[in-house]
Protein backbone atom coordinates (compact mmCIF):
# COMPACT_ATOMS: atom_id res chain seq x y z
CA MET A 1 147.08 94.38 99.39
CA GLY A 2 149.47 92.23 97.68
CA PRO A 3 150.90 92.66 94.11
CA PRO A 4 148.76 92.36 91.24
CA VAL A 5 147.77 88.72 90.23
CA GLU A 6 149.11 88.95 86.83
CA THR A 7 151.14 91.09 84.49
CA ILE A 8 151.54 90.66 80.84
CA VAL A 9 154.25 92.35 78.66
CA VAL A 10 153.46 92.96 75.16
CA ALA A 11 155.60 94.16 72.16
CA GLU A 12 155.85 93.27 68.49
CA SER A 13 159.09 91.13 68.39
CA GLN A 14 159.09 87.45 69.08
CA ILE A 15 162.06 87.82 71.06
CA PRO A 16 161.91 90.57 73.60
CA ASP A 17 164.57 93.29 73.40
CA GLU A 18 166.83 94.19 76.32
CA PRO A 19 164.52 96.84 78.03
CA THR A 20 161.65 94.36 77.69
CA ARG A 21 163.59 91.43 79.21
CA ASP A 22 164.85 93.76 81.99
CA ILE A 23 161.12 94.20 83.10
CA ILE A 24 160.27 90.91 82.84
CA LEU A 25 163.36 89.61 84.66
CA GLU A 26 162.50 92.46 87.33
CA LEU A 27 158.79 91.03 87.77
CA LYS A 28 160.02 87.42 88.13
CA ARG A 29 162.87 88.71 90.74
CA ARG A 30 159.77 90.29 92.82
CA GLY A 31 157.68 86.99 92.58
CA ILE A 32 155.03 88.88 90.23
CA PRO A 33 153.39 86.44 87.92
CA GLN A 34 154.33 87.52 84.52
CA ARG A 35 154.05 86.39 80.71
CA TYR A 36 155.38 88.10 77.71
CA VAL A 37 153.10 87.91 74.64
CA PRO A 38 153.87 89.28 71.06
CA ILE A 39 151.12 91.40 70.06
CA GLN A 40 150.33 89.50 66.86
CA ARG A 41 149.34 86.64 69.23
CA LEU A 42 146.61 88.72 70.91
CA SER A 43 143.21 87.80 69.54
CA ILE A 44 139.78 89.11 70.16
CA LYS A 45 136.89 86.90 70.63
CA ILE A 46 133.23 88.35 70.65
CA ASP A 47 130.13 86.12 71.27
CA SER A 48 127.09 85.83 73.32
CA ASP A 49 129.16 85.40 76.54
CA GLY A 50 131.16 88.59 75.97
CA VAL A 51 134.25 90.06 74.89
CA TYR A 52 137.46 88.31 75.33
CA VAL A 53 141.21 88.86 74.50
CA GLU A 54 143.13 85.75 74.30
CA THR A 55 145.72 83.66 72.91
CA ARG A 56 145.72 80.09 71.65
CA ARG A 57 146.11 79.15 75.54
CA GLY A 58 142.74 80.74 76.18
CA PRO A 59 141.52 84.14 77.63
CA LEU A 60 143.75 86.68 79.09
CA ARG A 61 142.51 88.48 82.41
CA PRO A 62 145.72 90.48 83.56
CA ASP A 63 145.73 92.98 86.21
CA VAL A 64 148.60 95.01 84.51
CA VAL A 65 149.50 94.91 80.67
CA VAL A 66 152.82 96.64 79.97
CA ILE A 67 153.09 97.76 76.41
CA ARG A 68 156.40 97.82 75.01
CA GLY A 69 155.41 98.38 71.33
CA ILE A 70 152.72 97.99 68.83
CA GLY A 71 154.88 97.88 65.86
CA PHE A 72 156.62 100.25 63.46
CA LEU A 73 155.76 100.24 60.00
CA LEU A 74 152.02 99.38 60.15
CA ASP A 75 148.99 99.68 57.70
CA ALA A 76 145.86 101.19 58.91
CA ASN A 77 143.92 98.06 59.40
CA THR A 78 146.90 96.41 61.51
CA MET A 79 147.00 99.51 63.66
CA ILE A 80 143.46 99.69 64.17
CA ARG A 81 143.39 96.20 65.52
CA ARG A 82 146.37 96.26 67.70
CA VAL A 83 145.26 99.51 69.11
CA THR A 84 141.79 98.24 69.79
CA THR A 85 142.82 94.81 71.30
CA LEU A 86 144.89 97.04 73.92
CA GLU A 87 141.94 99.24 74.62
CA ILE A 88 139.80 96.24 75.20
CA LEU A 89 142.28 94.91 77.86
CA GLU A 90 142.42 98.14 79.47
CA GLY A 91 138.64 98.55 79.17
CA GLU A 92 138.18 95.13 81.06
CA GLY A 93 140.19 96.36 83.99
CA ALA A 94 143.86 95.85 83.10
CA VAL A 95 146.13 98.96 84.14
CA ALA A 96 148.04 99.67 80.85
CA ILE A 97 151.36 101.00 81.48
CA ASN A 98 151.58 103.44 79.48
CA PRO A 99 147.89 104.09 78.99
CA VAL A 100 146.85 103.14 75.44
CA ARG A 101 145.64 106.67 74.67
CA SER A 102 148.57 108.41 76.03
CA LEU A 103 151.03 105.88 74.14
CA LEU A 104 149.16 106.77 70.97
CA ALA A 105 149.47 110.64 71.74
CA SER A 106 153.18 110.26 72.20
CA ARG A 107 153.80 108.01 69.03
CA ASP A 108 151.93 110.85 67.03
CA LYS A 109 154.57 113.70 66.85
CA LEU A 110 151.90 116.03 65.70
CA LYS A 111 149.47 115.44 68.56
CA SER A 112 152.25 115.28 71.10
CA LEU A 113 153.66 118.56 70.04
CA TYR A 114 150.29 120.23 70.23
CA ILE A 115 149.53 118.60 73.91
CA LEU A 116 153.11 119.95 74.92
CA SER A 117 152.56 123.27 73.57
CA ARG A 118 149.29 123.78 75.05
CA SER A 119 150.90 122.71 78.39
CA LYS A 120 153.57 125.53 78.28
CA VAL A 121 156.18 123.06 77.43
CA PRO A 122 158.88 124.68 75.07
CA VAL A 123 159.02 122.98 71.62
CA PRO A 124 160.62 123.80 68.45
CA PRO A 125 158.80 125.89 65.72
CA THR A 126 157.13 123.45 63.50
CA ILE A 127 154.58 123.13 60.52
CA VAL A 128 152.51 120.14 59.52
CA THR A 129 150.53 120.34 56.18
CA GLU A 130 149.82 118.76 53.05
CA ASP A 131 149.98 122.00 50.99
CA LEU A 132 153.48 121.91 49.24
CA TYR A 133 153.39 125.70 48.67
CA TYR A 134 152.89 126.43 52.33
CA ALA A 135 155.62 124.09 53.23
CA TYR A 136 157.80 125.56 50.54
CA ASN A 137 157.24 129.34 52.25
CA ALA A 138 157.67 127.70 55.91
CA VAL A 139 160.85 126.25 54.94
CA LYS A 140 162.30 129.57 53.56
CA SER A 141 161.23 131.49 56.63
CA LEU A 142 162.57 128.75 59.09
CA GLU A 143 165.90 128.65 57.24
CA THR A 144 167.28 125.26 58.23
CA VAL A 145 164.69 122.68 58.95
CA VAL A 146 164.23 119.06 59.85
CA ILE A 147 161.66 117.15 57.86
CA LYS A 148 160.54 113.97 59.53
CA PRO A 149 157.70 111.39 59.58
CA ILE A 150 154.97 112.00 61.82
CA GLN A 151 155.25 108.28 63.31
CA GLY A 152 158.88 107.25 63.51
CA SER A 153 161.69 106.73 66.26
CA ARG A 154 165.42 106.55 66.37
CA GLY A 155 165.92 109.16 63.86
CA PHE A 156 164.92 106.97 60.78
CA GLY A 157 163.66 109.14 58.08
CA ALA A 158 164.64 112.48 59.25
CA MET A 159 166.13 114.70 56.84
CA LEU A 160 168.02 118.20 57.15
CA PHE A 161 167.50 121.00 54.84
CA SER A 162 169.10 124.44 54.39
CA ASP A 163 168.07 124.84 50.73
CA PRO A 164 164.40 125.27 50.10
CA ASP A 165 164.22 124.15 46.71
CA LEU A 166 166.10 120.85 47.56
CA ALA A 167 163.43 120.54 50.38
CA PHE A 168 160.61 121.22 47.87
CA GLN A 169 161.60 118.29 45.73
CA VAL A 170 161.83 115.91 48.68
CA MET A 171 158.42 117.38 49.96
CA ARG A 172 156.68 116.87 46.57
CA THR A 173 157.64 113.20 46.51
CA LEU A 174 156.51 112.70 50.06
CA LEU A 175 153.01 114.07 49.10
CA LEU A 176 153.01 111.78 45.98
CA THR A 177 153.40 109.01 48.27
CA HIS A 178 150.48 110.06 50.61
CA ASN A 179 152.89 111.24 53.21
CA PRO A 180 152.05 114.71 55.25
CA LEU A 181 154.69 117.08 55.59
CA TYR A 182 156.19 117.44 59.13
CA VAL A 183 158.80 120.29 59.06
CA GLN A 184 160.45 121.55 62.15
CA LYS A 185 162.87 124.53 62.53
CA TYR A 186 166.48 122.86 63.32
CA VAL A 187 167.66 123.71 66.80
CA GLN A 188 171.18 125.04 67.16
CA LYS A 189 172.81 123.13 69.96
CA PRO A 190 176.04 121.51 71.22
CA ASN A 191 176.90 118.16 69.34
CA ARG A 192 174.54 116.47 71.87
CA ASP A 193 171.00 116.29 73.23
CA ILE A 194 169.70 114.96 76.51
CA ARG A 195 167.60 111.81 77.14
CA ALA A 196 166.09 112.11 80.54
CA ILE A 197 164.06 108.90 81.96
CA VAL A 198 161.06 109.69 84.03
CA VAL A 199 159.11 106.95 86.25
CA ASP A 200 155.94 107.78 88.39
CA GLY A 201 156.59 111.69 88.25
CA ARG A 202 160.44 111.57 89.01
CA VAL A 203 163.55 111.85 86.86
CA ILE A 204 165.65 108.84 87.72
CA GLY A 205 168.50 109.87 85.52
CA CYS A 206 169.77 111.23 82.27
CA MET A 207 172.32 110.71 79.78
CA TYR A 208 173.79 113.17 76.98
CA ARG A 209 173.70 111.57 73.41
CA ILE A 210 176.75 112.84 71.99
CA SER A 211 177.30 112.76 68.22
CA ASN A 212 179.62 114.05 65.36
CA ILE A 213 176.52 114.40 62.99
CA TRP A 214 173.26 116.31 63.51
CA LYS A 215 171.49 113.37 64.64
CA THR A 216 171.92 112.38 68.28
CA ASN A 217 170.19 109.17 68.34
CA ILE A 218 172.12 106.11 69.79
CA ALA A 219 170.82 104.07 66.85
CA GLN A 220 172.40 106.67 64.45
CA GLY A 221 175.86 106.14 66.27
CA ALA A 222 175.80 108.55 69.07
CA ARG A 223 177.64 107.55 72.35
CA ALA A 224 175.90 107.75 75.78
CA GLU A 225 177.47 109.74 78.84
CA PRO A 226 175.92 110.44 82.17
CA CYS A 227 174.73 113.86 82.85
CA LYS A 228 173.50 115.34 86.16
CA PRO A 229 170.02 116.61 85.82
CA THR A 230 169.39 120.28 86.98
CA PRO A 231 166.12 121.20 88.55
CA ASP A 232 165.30 123.17 85.24
CA LEU A 233 165.80 119.98 83.18
CA GLU A 234 163.68 117.86 85.92
CA ASP A 235 160.99 120.28 85.63
CA ILE A 236 160.58 120.05 81.94
CA ALA A 237 161.03 116.43 81.61
CA ILE A 238 158.48 115.94 84.44
CA ARG A 239 155.96 118.44 82.99
CA ALA A 240 156.22 116.91 79.43
CA THR A 241 155.74 113.37 80.78
CA ARG A 242 152.61 114.45 82.95
CA ALA A 243 151.22 116.48 80.08
CA LEU A 244 150.91 113.33 77.99
CA GLY A 245 149.50 111.20 80.68
CA LEU A 246 152.47 108.80 80.70
CA VAL A 247 153.54 106.57 83.61
CA TYR A 248 157.18 106.32 82.30
CA SER A 249 159.00 108.16 79.30
CA GLY A 250 161.96 109.11 77.76
CA VAL A 251 162.28 112.67 76.94
CA ASP A 252 164.53 114.19 74.42
CA ILE A 253 165.68 117.63 75.38
CA GLY A 254 167.87 120.06 73.54
CA GLU A 255 170.01 122.72 75.18
CA THR A 256 169.53 126.18 73.25
CA ARG A 257 170.94 129.47 73.99
CA ASP A 258 167.17 130.45 75.51
CA GLY A 259 166.92 127.45 77.75
CA TYR A 260 165.59 123.90 77.27
CA VAL A 261 163.35 122.51 74.56
CA VAL A 262 161.68 119.17 74.28
CA PHE A 263 161.90 117.47 70.88
CA GLU A 264 159.88 114.37 71.76
CA VAL A 265 158.61 112.13 74.45
CA ASN A 266 159.04 108.34 73.95
CA ALA A 267 156.47 106.31 75.48
CA SER A 268 158.49 102.99 75.13
CA PRO A 269 161.94 104.30 75.29
CA ASP A 270 165.03 102.12 74.42
CA TRP A 271 167.05 102.46 77.73
CA ARG A 272 170.31 100.40 76.77
CA GLY A 273 172.57 103.34 76.29
CA PHE A 274 171.01 105.11 79.39
CA LYS A 275 171.61 102.02 81.48
CA SER A 276 174.86 101.47 80.55
CA SER A 277 176.09 104.93 80.86
CA THR A 278 174.40 105.78 84.23
CA GLY A 279 174.10 102.27 85.87
CA VAL A 280 170.20 102.97 86.60
CA ASN A 281 167.99 100.26 85.49
CA PRO A 282 164.44 101.71 84.71
CA ALA A 283 162.97 98.51 85.08
CA GLN A 284 163.31 98.42 88.77
CA TYR A 285 161.30 101.81 89.02
CA ILE A 286 158.57 100.47 86.60
CA VAL A 287 158.03 97.42 88.75
CA ASP A 288 158.08 99.52 91.88
CA TYR A 289 155.10 101.36 90.22
CA ILE A 290 153.43 97.90 89.42
CA SER A 291 154.01 96.52 92.79
CA ASN A 292 152.33 99.35 94.40
CA ILE A 293 149.12 99.27 92.31
CA LYS A 294 145.98 98.26 94.59
CA ARG A 295 143.58 95.70 93.18
């Protein structure tokens, strides 16, 4: 059978970012009908004829929906609407990449850490609570910690503490603004971590993210250099991706004295640094996957 009849690519931005453009251009190059739709432009229509996801141009009936993002700072109502819209597309027969449920699990640091831990993927010691004194005692026992948002990316909002009383004041403020506390032991590692890109069950490449500060995100000023994946690195990246049910991912991995540890698994990774340092374009592998979907 031939390629899917139509693929839509969804993200929040009115103008696609570079990885999203890479996917669109690769779809065009393969002759696969495609369309970019900002998620704000997807509407739901429910009437006696059924349920439809549509834009001003009419109903959408894609075979594949590539979800490159649902938005960052969202209130609960907007989050529910966007997620439900994507679930309806998936429920009406579109293949979601990544699957909506898996995308949400990876976005939720607590849930993803739970899934990874249950799947025997090594993760840093972590506590999540709304009990200030429980958190305070945890900080003292963990010694040096990172406090970060449960939902977040690119290192924004992550804070490093070795003083439990200073951490106490910050955690108190977070709770006053109705934010739960996500406290993770700081993992001693070289001045770098590793981002491995996994597509369809294989590691297509990895890069070091090297920094002069403790944060190693490219968005925080880290530089990208290619690395050669070891069998152990490939194994942990693939197992983390499989545990979360993702077609493709960016797996952030730390090198410790006791082996590799997974910090996060990103279901819609930014790969500009990866592509420039390795010469590998993940879009080609994602579109390979789309091309092989049988309808």
